[in-house]
């Protein structure tokens, strides 16, 4: 009983700390926006939620007949990009902050979360709550201004939630195999999801995802050889035990095995 009480107390203290720091960060974002030069009318009709690497959204040119100069790129990790378009009122920040905490708590209550996943969410709680608060306020603001646009996400899941929850069209451009979400109940309800694999499409449909799913056009393999290419994940996320089993299996069957490192990694990062 004492151990349980201690765990509950620690959880409460962690959450209290997360909420307090999140509030301070939201206040900092509110103040910061007044120091950013504004360019109100420069948003295009197509917006890309840009993450740290361009390869995540390059597939936009495979699904849309559009030029780069006709797209507005908003860098998710550089909120100055957003602040250069609109200011958010203090009252809007506070209202959304309260709702963000409620949403954050509901995620922590997911039954299928492992203890590690729950701790990971809490450890990133300050960034999650403050960022979602800002994104939600921003997209609601530009929607209120009757701005007509479509948004494409190359992996900016948190900002995608904010877009969708404000009733704005948001499409997901997968740049590789799909990640495993904590829960499909909280998987963003994208208008369209562009996929490479029919297996993933069937998997999502079977689990009730209602988004329109479209496979990228790919050239058909005409010539088969006894070779495989393994596209590696980020080194810290790899299950090396399974990876080595796969490599050994194909090598024993006289296959040539090649590995393509992850775009954000270097060769020396891997235990190969």
Protein backbone atom coordinates (compact mmCIF):
# COMPACT_ATOMS: atom_id res chain seq x y z
CA UNK A 1 0.00 0.00 0.00
CA UNK A 2 2.83 2.40 0.92
CA UNK A 3 4.56 1.70 -2.41
CA UNK A 4 1.32 2.42 -4.30
CA UNK A 5 0.85 5.71 -2.43
CA UNK A 6 4.40 6.74 -3.25
CA UNK A 7 3.85 5.95 -6.94
CA UNK A 8 0.62 7.97 -6.97
CA UNK A 9 2.37 10.90 -5.25
CA UNK A 10 5.27 10.81 -7.72
CA UNK A 11 2.83 10.75 -10.66
CA UNK A 12 0.93 13.74 -9.27
CA UNK A 13 4.16 15.69 -8.75
CA UNK A 14 5.35 14.88 -12.27
CA UNK A 15 2.06 16.05 -13.78
CA UNK A 16 2.01 19.21 -11.65
CA UNK A 17 5.54 20.05 -12.78
CA UNK A 18 4.66 19.38 -16.42
CA UNK A 19 1.55 21.59 -16.25
CA UNK A 20 3.37 24.43 -14.50
CA UNK A 21 6.28 24.45 -16.97
CA UNK A 22 3.85 24.13 -19.89
CA UNK A 23 1.96 27.22 -18.70
CA UNK A 24 5.20 29.21 -18.46
CA UNK A 25 6.17 28.12 -21.97
CA UNK A 26 2.74 29.15 -23.31
CA UNK A 27 3.21 32.59 -21.73
CA UNK A 28 6.65 32.82 -23.34
CA UNK A 29 5.13 32.00 -26.75
CA UNK A 30 2.47 34.66 -26.24
CA UNK A 31 5.10 37.32 -25.50
CA UNK A 32 7.48 36.18 -28.25
CA UNK A 33 4.95 36.65 -31.06
CA UNK A 34 5.01 40.44 -30.59
CA UNK A 35 8.70 40.52 -31.51
CA UNK A 36 8.25 38.74 -34.85
CA UNK A 37 7.79 40.77 -38.03
CA UNK A 38 4.40 40.05 -39.66
CA UNK A 39 3.61 39.20 -43.28
CA UNK A 40 -0.14 38.58 -42.99
CA UNK A 41 -1.01 38.00 -46.66
CA UNK A 42 1.74 35.65 -47.81
CA UNK A 43 0.13 32.27 -46.95
CA UNK A 44 -0.52 30.12 -50.05
CA UNK A 45 -3.50 27.84 -50.68
CA UNK A 46 -1.34 24.76 -50.09
CA UNK A 47 0.54 24.53 -46.78
CA UNK A 48 3.19 21.98 -45.86
CA UNK A 49 3.80 21.25 -42.19
CA UNK A 50 7.54 20.91 -42.50
CA UNK A 51 9.56 18.83 -40.07
CA UNK A 52 13.33 18.67 -39.71
CA UNK A 53 14.14 17.08 -43.08
CA UNK A 54 12.72 17.84 -46.53
CA UNK A 55 12.47 14.18 -47.55
CA UNK A 56 9.43 13.81 -45.27
CA UNK A 57 7.24 15.92 -47.54
CA UNK A 58 8.83 15.44 -50.97
CA UNK A 59 5.98 13.12 -51.99
CA UNK A 60 3.73 16.17 -52.35
CA UNK A 61 5.03 16.44 -55.92
CA UNK A 62 3.91 12.87 -56.63
CA UNK A 63 0.31 13.52 -55.67
CA UNK A 64 -0.19 17.20 -56.53
CA UNK A 65 0.57 18.99 -59.80
CA UNK A 66 2.00 21.98 -58.02
CA UNK A 67 5.19 24.03 -58.02
CA UNK A 68 7.31 24.68 -54.96
CA UNK A 69 6.72 28.44 -55.19
CA UNK A 70 2.97 27.82 -54.80
CA UNK A 71 3.41 26.18 -51.40
CA UNK A 72 3.79 27.77 -47.97
CA UNK A 73 6.21 25.85 -45.76
CA UNK A 74 5.67 26.19 -42.02
CA UNK A 75 8.53 24.74 -39.98
CA UNK A 76 7.09 22.85 -37.02
CA UNK A 77 10.19 23.34 -34.87
CA UNK A 78 10.43 27.04 -35.69
CA UNK A 79 7.31 28.74 -34.40
CA UNK A 80 8.58 32.06 -35.74
CA UNK A 81 7.32 30.79 -39.11
CA UNK A 82 3.80 30.70 -37.71
CA UNK A 83 4.17 33.90 -35.70
CA UNK A 84 5.10 35.84 -38.83
CA UNK A 85 1.53 35.32 -40.10
CA UNK A 86 -0.75 35.88 -37.10
CA UNK A 87 -0.82 36.98 -33.46
CA UNK A 88 -2.86 34.98 -30.93
CA UNK A 89 -4.80 36.67 -28.13
CA UNK A 90 -3.97 35.90 -24.49
CA UNK A 91 -7.53 34.70 -23.83
CA UNK A 92 -7.34 32.23 -26.74
CA UNK A 93 -4.05 30.90 -25.37
CA UNK A 94 -5.54 30.29 -21.91
CA UNK A 95 -8.72 28.63 -23.23
CA UNK A 96 -6.76 26.30 -25.47
CA UNK A 97 -4.19 25.57 -22.75
CA UNK A 98 -6.95 24.22 -20.46
CA UNK A 99 -8.33 22.02 -23.27
CA UNK A 100 -4.81 20.79 -24.10
CA UNK A 101 -4.31 19.60 -20.52
CA UNK A 102 -7.61 17.71 -20.67
CA UNK A 103 -6.56 16.04 -23.93
CA UNK A 104 -3.13 15.22 -22.49
CA UNK A 105 -4.74 13.51 -19.48
CA UNK A 106 -7.03 11.47 -21.71
CA UNK A 107 -4.02 10.14 -23.63
CA UNK A 108 -2.29 9.09 -20.40
CA UNK A 109 -5.40 7.06 -19.51
CA UNK A 110 -5.17 4.86 -22.61
CA UNK A 111 -5.40 1.24 -21.46
CA UNK A 112 -2.88 -0.15 -23.95
CA UNK A 113 -0.06 2.20 -22.94
CA UNK A 114 3.00 0.48 -21.50
CA UNK A 115 4.67 2.05 -18.47
CA UNK A 116 7.60 3.07 -20.69
CA UNK A 117 5.28 4.77 -23.21
CA UNK A 118 3.47 6.61 -20.44
CA UNK A 119 6.76 7.86 -18.97
CA UNK A 120 7.89 8.93 -22.45
CA UNK A 121 4.71 10.97 -22.94
CA UNK A 122 5.05 12.61 -19.52
CA UNK A 123 8.74 13.42 -20.12
CA UNK A 124 7.75 15.21 -23.34
CA UNK A 125 4.66 16.72 -21.76
CA UNK A 126 5.88 20.34 -21.62
CA UNK A 127 6.62 20.37 -25.33
CA UNK A 128 3.43 18.46 -26.23
CA UNK A 129 1.04 20.69 -24.26
CA UNK A 130 2.60 24.05 -25.13
CA UNK A 131 3.09 23.22 -28.82
CA UNK A 132 -0.40 21.82 -29.26
CA UNK A 133 -1.84 24.88 -27.53
CA UNK A 134 -0.05 27.18 -29.96
CA UNK A 135 -0.80 25.16 -33.11
CA UNK A 136 -4.49 24.85 -32.27
CA UNK A 137 -4.80 28.59 -31.62
CA UNK A 138 -2.97 29.41 -34.86
CA UNK A 139 -5.04 27.21 -37.16
CA UNK A 140 -8.30 28.33 -35.56
CA UNK A 141 -7.21 31.94 -36.15
CA UNK A 142 -6.51 31.56 -39.85
CA UNK A 143 -9.71 29.55 -40.31
CA UNK A 144 -11.72 32.35 -38.70
CA UNK A 145 -10.23 34.73 -41.27
CA UNK A 146 -11.93 32.68 -44.03
CA UNK A 147 -8.58 31.64 -45.45
CA UNK A 148 -9.12 28.77 -47.95
CA UNK A 149 -6.31 26.24 -47.89
CA UNK A 150 -5.28 22.59 -47.78
CA UNK A 151 -2.64 21.22 -45.48
CA UNK A 152 -0.23 18.34 -46.05
CA UNK A 153 1.74 16.74 -43.25
CA UNK A 154 4.95 14.82 -43.75
CA UNK A 155 5.10 13.54 -40.18
CA UNK A 156 4.09 16.50 -38.00
CA UNK A 157 1.54 14.49 -36.04
CA UNK A 158 0.95 16.94 -33.16
CA UNK A 159 0.32 19.87 -35.52
CA UNK A 160 -1.86 17.58 -37.66
CA UNK A 161 -4.09 16.95 -34.63
CA UNK A 162 -4.48 20.70 -34.21
CA UNK A 163 -5.39 21.16 -37.89
CA UNK A 164 -7.94 18.33 -37.94
CA UNK A 165 -9.53 19.26 -34.61
CA UNK A 166 -10.21 22.69 -36.09
CA UNK A 167 -12.08 21.15 -39.02
CA UNK A 168 -9.43 21.87 -41.64
CA UNK A 169 -8.44 19.50 -44.46
CA UNK A 170 -5.23 17.66 -43.60
CA UNK A 171 -3.54 14.94 -45.67
CA UNK A 172 -0.73 12.61 -44.58
CA UNK A 173 2.22 12.04 -46.92
CA UNK A 174 4.02 8.92 -45.71
CA UNK A 175 7.68 8.86 -46.70
CA UNK A 176 8.20 5.22 -45.73
CA UNK A 177 6.50 2.51 -43.71
CA UNK A 178 4.03 3.73 -41.13
CA UNK A 179 5.04 4.12 -37.50
CA UNK A 180 3.16 2.23 -34.79
CA UNK A 181 0.81 4.70 -33.05
CA UNK A 182 0.18 4.40 -29.31
CA UNK A 183 -3.48 3.87 -30.11
CA UNK A 184 -5.47 3.99 -33.33
CA UNK A 185 -8.21 5.66 -31.26
CA UNK A 186 -5.91 8.69 -31.20
CA UNK A 187 -4.54 8.38 -34.72
CA UNK A 188 -5.31 11.67 -36.57
CA UNK A 189 -8.41 11.49 -38.77
CA UNK A 190 -6.68 12.64 -41.95
CA UNK A 191 -8.75 13.36 -45.06
CA UNK A 192 -6.31 11.34 -47.16
CA UNK A 193 -3.39 9.08 -46.33
CA UNK A 194 -0.86 8.38 -49.07
CA UNK A 195 0.84 4.99 -48.60
CA UNK A 196 3.45 2.79 -50.26
CA UNK A 197 2.08 -0.54 -49.11
CA UNK A 198 -1.26 -2.24 -49.75
CA UNK A 199 -0.58 -4.30 -46.61
CA UNK A 200 -0.64 -1.14 -44.49
CA UNK A 201 -3.77 0.07 -46.25
CA UNK A 202 -5.59 -3.17 -45.44
CA UNK A 203 -4.28 -3.07 -41.86
CA UNK A 204 -5.66 0.44 -41.32
CA UNK A 205 -8.99 -0.32 -42.96
CA UNK A 206 -9.41 -3.46 -40.86
CA UNK A 207 -8.93 -1.37 -37.72
CA UNK A 208 -11.56 1.18 -38.63
CA UNK A 209 -9.50 4.07 -40.02
CA UNK A 210 -11.95 6.00 -42.19
CA UNK A 211 -9.47 8.23 -44.06
CA UNK A 212 -9.33 7.85 -47.82
CA UNK A 213 -6.21 5.78 -48.49
CA UNK A 214 -4.27 6.12 -51.72
CA UNK A 215 -1.23 4.12 -52.84
CA UNK A 216 1.62 5.97 -54.50
CA UNK A 217 2.20 5.07 -58.14
CA UNK A 218 5.29 2.87 -58.36
CA UNK A 219 7.03 1.18 -61.24
CA UNK A 220 6.47 -2.55 -61.43
CA UNK A 221 9.51 -4.74 -60.80
CA UNK A 222 10.29 -6.48 -64.09
CA UNK A 223 13.49 -8.28 -63.15
CA UNK A 224 14.05 -10.21 -59.94
CA UNK A 225 17.45 -10.96 -58.43
CA UNK A 226 18.55 -12.70 -55.27
CA UNK A 227 19.20 -9.42 -53.51
CA UNK A 228 17.44 -7.46 -50.81
CA UNK A 229 17.76 -3.88 -49.57
CA UNK A 230 17.02 -3.15 -45.92
CA UNK A 231 15.94 0.43 -45.24
CA UNK A 232 17.17 1.13 -41.73
CA UNK A 233 15.33 3.06 -39.05
CA UNK A 234 16.96 5.59 -36.73
CA UNK A 235 19.79 3.70 -34.92
CA UNK A 236 18.35 4.21 -31.42
CA UNK A 237 14.99 2.75 -32.52
CA UNK A 238 16.31 -0.37 -34.22
CA UNK A 239 15.63 -3.86 -32.91
CA UNK A 240 19.09 -5.24 -33.74
CA UNK A 241 18.23 -8.75 -32.60
CA UNK A 242 15.51 -9.10 -35.25
CA UNK A 243 17.56 -7.19 -37.83
CA UNK A 244 20.49 -9.63 -37.52
CA UNK A 245 18.12 -12.60 -37.75
CA UNK A 246 16.72 -11.23 -41.02
CA UNK A 247 20.21 -10.62 -42.43
CA UNK A 248 21.40 -14.10 -41.43
CA UNK A 249 18.31 -15.71 -42.96
CA UNK A 250 18.84 -14.16 -46.38
CA UNK A 251 22.61 -14.68 -46.37
CA UNK A 252 22.12 -18.38 -45.62
CA UNK A 253 19.87 -18.53 -48.66
CA UNK A 254 22.60 -16.97 -50.84
CA UNK A 255 21.07 -13.51 -51.11
CA UNK A 256 23.14 -10.37 -51.41
CA UNK A 257 22.11 -8.08 -48.55
CA UNK A 258 22.35 -4.29 -48.74
CA UNK A 259 21.46 -1.70 -46.11
CA UNK A 260 20.27 1.86 -46.74
CA UNK A 261 20.93 4.07 -43.72
CA UNK A 262 18.27 6.44 -42.42
CA UNK A 263 18.53 9.93 -43.98
CA UNK A 264 19.15 11.63 -40.61
CA UNK A 265 21.86 9.18 -39.55
CA UNK A 266 25.48 8.38 -40.35
CA UNK A 267 27.01 4.97 -41.01
CA UNK A 268 29.04 4.92 -37.78
CA UNK A 269 25.85 5.23 -35.73
CA UNK A 270 24.83 1.64 -36.49
CA UNK A 271 25.97 -1.58 -34.85
CA UNK A 272 26.51 -3.32 -38.20
